[in-house]
Protein backbone atom coordinates (compact mmCIF):
# COMPACT_ATOMS: atom_id res chain seq x y z
CA MET A 1 37.06 -45.49 33.13
CA GLY A 2 38.92 -45.85 36.44
CA ALA A 3 42.22 -44.73 34.91
CA LEU A 4 40.59 -41.76 33.18
CA LYS A 5 38.74 -40.51 36.28
CA GLU A 6 41.76 -38.53 37.51
CA PHE A 7 41.81 -36.56 34.24
CA LEU A 8 38.12 -35.65 34.18
CA PRO A 9 37.18 -32.20 35.43
CA ARG A 10 35.50 -31.86 38.83
CA TYR A 11 33.35 -28.75 38.98
CA THR A 12 32.46 -26.67 42.03
CA ILE A 13 29.62 -24.38 43.06
CA LYS A 14 31.70 -21.43 41.79
CA ASP A 15 31.65 -23.01 38.32
CA TYR A 16 27.96 -23.88 38.66
CA GLU A 17 27.07 -20.26 39.44
CA LYS A 18 28.51 -19.15 36.07
CA TRP A 19 26.64 -21.64 33.88
CA GLU A 20 23.70 -20.63 31.73
CA GLY A 21 20.59 -22.78 31.68
CA ASP A 22 19.41 -25.27 34.28
CA TRP A 23 21.94 -27.65 35.79
CA GLU A 24 22.51 -29.87 38.78
CA LEU A 25 25.98 -30.63 40.07
CA ILE A 26 26.47 -33.97 41.81
CA GLU A 27 29.90 -34.70 43.29
CA GLY A 28 31.52 -32.41 40.73
CA VAL A 29 29.69 -33.87 37.71
CA PRO A 30 27.28 -31.55 35.85
CA TYR A 31 23.83 -32.80 34.79
CA ALA A 32 21.77 -30.75 32.33
CA MET A 33 18.16 -30.27 33.39
CA SER A 34 16.78 -29.82 29.94
CA PRO A 35 14.42 -29.97 28.33
CA SER A 36 12.12 -28.27 30.78
CA PRO A 37 9.56 -30.50 32.51
CA TYR A 38 6.41 -31.24 30.55
CA ALA A 39 3.14 -29.53 31.43
CA LYS A 40 1.84 -32.72 33.07
CA HIS A 41 4.93 -32.85 35.30
CA GLN A 42 4.44 -29.21 36.33
CA ARG A 43 0.72 -29.74 36.98
CA ILE A 44 1.39 -32.75 39.24
CA SER A 45 4.07 -30.83 41.11
CA PHE A 46 1.69 -27.91 41.67
CA LEU A 47 -1.19 -30.12 42.84
CA ILE A 48 1.00 -32.03 45.29
CA ALA A 49 2.51 -28.78 46.63
CA ARG A 50 -0.95 -27.24 47.05
CA GLU A 51 -2.26 -30.30 48.89
CA ILE A 52 0.71 -30.31 51.24
CA GLU A 53 0.57 -26.55 51.80
CA ASN A 54 -3.11 -26.73 52.73
CA GLN A 55 -2.28 -29.23 55.46
CA LEU A 56 0.87 -27.47 56.68
CA GLU A 57 -1.01 -24.20 57.20
CA LYS A 58 -2.90 -25.86 60.06
CA CYS A 59 0.33 -26.73 61.90
CA LYS A 60 1.60 -24.24 64.46
CA LYS A 61 5.17 -25.56 64.24
CA ARG A 62 5.61 -24.04 60.76
CA CYS A 63 6.80 -26.31 58.04
CA TYR A 64 6.92 -25.25 54.40
CA VAL A 65 6.70 -26.78 50.95
CA TYR A 66 8.92 -25.41 48.16
CA GLN A 67 9.17 -26.21 44.46
CA GLU A 68 12.49 -26.38 42.62
CA VAL A 69 14.79 -24.79 45.21
CA ASP A 70 18.53 -25.38 44.92
CA TRP A 71 19.94 -27.50 47.72
CA ARG A 72 23.62 -26.69 48.13
CA ILE A 73 24.93 -29.77 49.86
CA ASP A 74 28.65 -29.04 49.64
CA ASN A 75 31.18 -27.35 47.36
CA TYR A 76 30.66 -30.04 44.68
CA THR A 77 26.94 -30.82 44.90
CA VAL A 78 23.87 -28.72 44.10
CA VAL A 79 20.56 -30.43 43.32
CA ARG A 80 17.10 -29.07 42.60
CA PRO A 81 14.39 -31.50 43.74
CA ASP A 82 10.89 -31.05 42.31
CA LEU A 83 9.40 -30.52 45.79
CA ILE A 84 10.78 -30.34 49.30
CA VAL A 85 9.20 -30.02 52.72
CA VAL A 86 11.26 -28.33 55.44
CA CYS A 87 10.54 -27.16 58.96
CA LYS A 88 12.75 -24.07 58.81
CA LYS A 89 12.54 -21.04 56.56
CA ILE A 90 14.80 -20.88 53.52
CA GLU A 91 16.25 -17.55 52.46
CA GLU A 92 17.92 -18.00 49.05
CA TYR A 93 18.60 -21.71 48.77
CA LEU A 94 18.59 -24.79 50.95
CA THR A 95 21.73 -25.58 52.96
CA PHE A 96 20.42 -28.40 55.18
CA PRO A 97 18.63 -31.70 54.49
CA PRO A 98 14.88 -31.33 53.98
CA GLU A 99 12.45 -33.60 55.83
CA VAL A 100 10.82 -34.78 52.60
CA ILE A 101 11.85 -34.76 48.93
CA PHE A 102 9.52 -35.51 46.01
CA GLU A 103 10.89 -36.23 42.56
CA ILE A 104 8.44 -36.59 39.68
CA VAL A 105 9.97 -39.30 37.54
CA SER A 106 10.11 -39.04 33.75
CA LYS A 107 11.87 -41.19 31.15
CA SER A 108 14.73 -38.69 31.04
CA THR A 109 15.18 -38.49 34.84
CA LYS A 110 14.38 -42.07 35.87
CA PHE A 111 17.98 -43.32 36.21
CA LYS A 112 19.13 -40.25 38.11
CA ASP A 113 16.05 -40.19 40.40
CA GLU A 114 16.06 -43.93 41.20
CA ASN A 115 19.82 -44.30 41.58
CA ILE A 116 22.03 -41.23 41.90
CA LYS A 117 19.60 -39.08 43.88
CA TYR A 118 18.35 -42.07 45.90
CA TYR A 119 21.86 -42.71 47.25
CA LEU A 120 22.66 -39.02 47.60
CA TYR A 121 19.50 -38.29 49.64
CA GLU A 122 20.07 -41.41 51.73
CA LYS A 123 23.67 -40.32 52.43
CA GLU A 124 22.47 -36.82 53.35
CA LYS A 125 19.87 -38.28 55.74
CA VAL A 126 16.66 -37.00 54.13
CA LYS A 127 13.92 -38.65 56.22
CA TYR A 128 11.50 -39.36 53.34
CA TYR A 129 12.18 -39.70 49.63
CA ALA A 130 9.07 -39.97 47.44
CA LEU A 131 9.18 -40.92 43.78
CA VAL A 132 6.05 -40.01 41.82
CA TYR A 133 5.46 -41.86 38.54
CA PRO A 134 2.93 -39.96 36.36
CA GLU A 135 2.78 -42.60 33.61
CA GLU A 136 2.03 -45.39 36.09
CA LYS A 137 -0.02 -43.13 38.37
CA LYS A 138 1.77 -44.34 41.48
CA MET A 139 4.13 -43.24 44.21
CA LYS A 140 6.94 -44.98 46.09
CA VAL A 141 8.02 -43.64 49.47
CA PHE A 142 11.29 -44.52 51.16
CA GLU A 143 11.91 -43.74 54.83
CA LEU A 144 15.34 -43.48 56.40
CA GLU A 145 15.77 -46.19 59.03
CA ASN A 146 19.18 -46.89 60.56
CA GLU A 147 20.80 -44.67 57.89
CA LYS A 148 19.32 -46.72 55.02
CA TYR A 149 16.19 -46.21 52.96
CA LYS A 150 13.39 -48.70 53.38
CA LEU A 151 10.41 -48.84 51.02
CA VAL A 152 7.43 -47.99 53.25
CA PHE A 153 4.76 -47.27 50.63
CA GLU A 154 4.00 -48.13 47.04
CA GLY A 155 0.61 -47.40 45.56
CA PHE A 156 -1.70 -45.13 43.64
CA ASP A 157 -5.04 -45.13 45.45
CA LYS A 158 -4.13 -45.14 49.15
CA SER A 159 -3.08 -42.39 51.47
CA PHE A 160 0.38 -42.16 53.02
CA THR A 161 1.21 -40.02 56.06
CA PHE A 162 4.60 -38.34 56.29
CA ASN A 163 5.40 -38.17 60.01
CA ILE A 164 7.47 -35.05 60.44
CA LYS A 165 7.12 -32.10 62.84
CA CYS A 166 4.00 -31.10 60.89
CA PRO A 167 2.58 -34.42 59.64
CA PHE A 168 0.72 -34.47 56.34
CA SER A 169 -0.98 -37.11 54.22
CA LEU A 170 -1.04 -37.51 50.50
CA ASN A 171 -3.51 -39.51 48.46
CA LEU A 172 -2.43 -39.47 44.83
CA SER A 173 -5.78 -40.74 43.55
CA ASP A 174 -7.09 -37.23 44.27
CA ILE A 175 -4.17 -35.74 42.36
CA TRP A 176 -4.60 -38.01 39.31
CA LYS A 177 -8.25 -36.89 38.95
CA LYS A 178 -7.13 -33.26 38.53
CA VAL A 179 -4.21 -33.77 36.11
């Protein structure tokens, strides 16, 4: 494919803005985000967001949790993580690295979440990257250390604390009971 790469189109945010449906654009390559997430995926996302929001409300430094907000990284990359935690307000879309990103992994997103987005978020210096696996009822958390991700948590029935400006903990065993 090396010889063909120069002939392949490289799309920009301007192109992305014209497309119908749900897409992500990673280094000029479009990725369809269909079909829509299953109900279980949406439920888990909601429960995690609610748990985080309840804890962030107690913090005076104001951090926020958002679901499915476009992060416009550069002219060739726009991604839409399942959940993000930031310590600044977002107007229309995200233009800076969030403190925490959660991706809820499905069969159709596993490769992209574990590989493409892993390296992208690492490169963009996202402090924590959490992968939530509904089928296995577990979570993996990677923390940026010396510009590389290090696995700092893997489990399903223990609590993990995300140490950001407004720290919060997440125990997925509570989430799994409500799915």
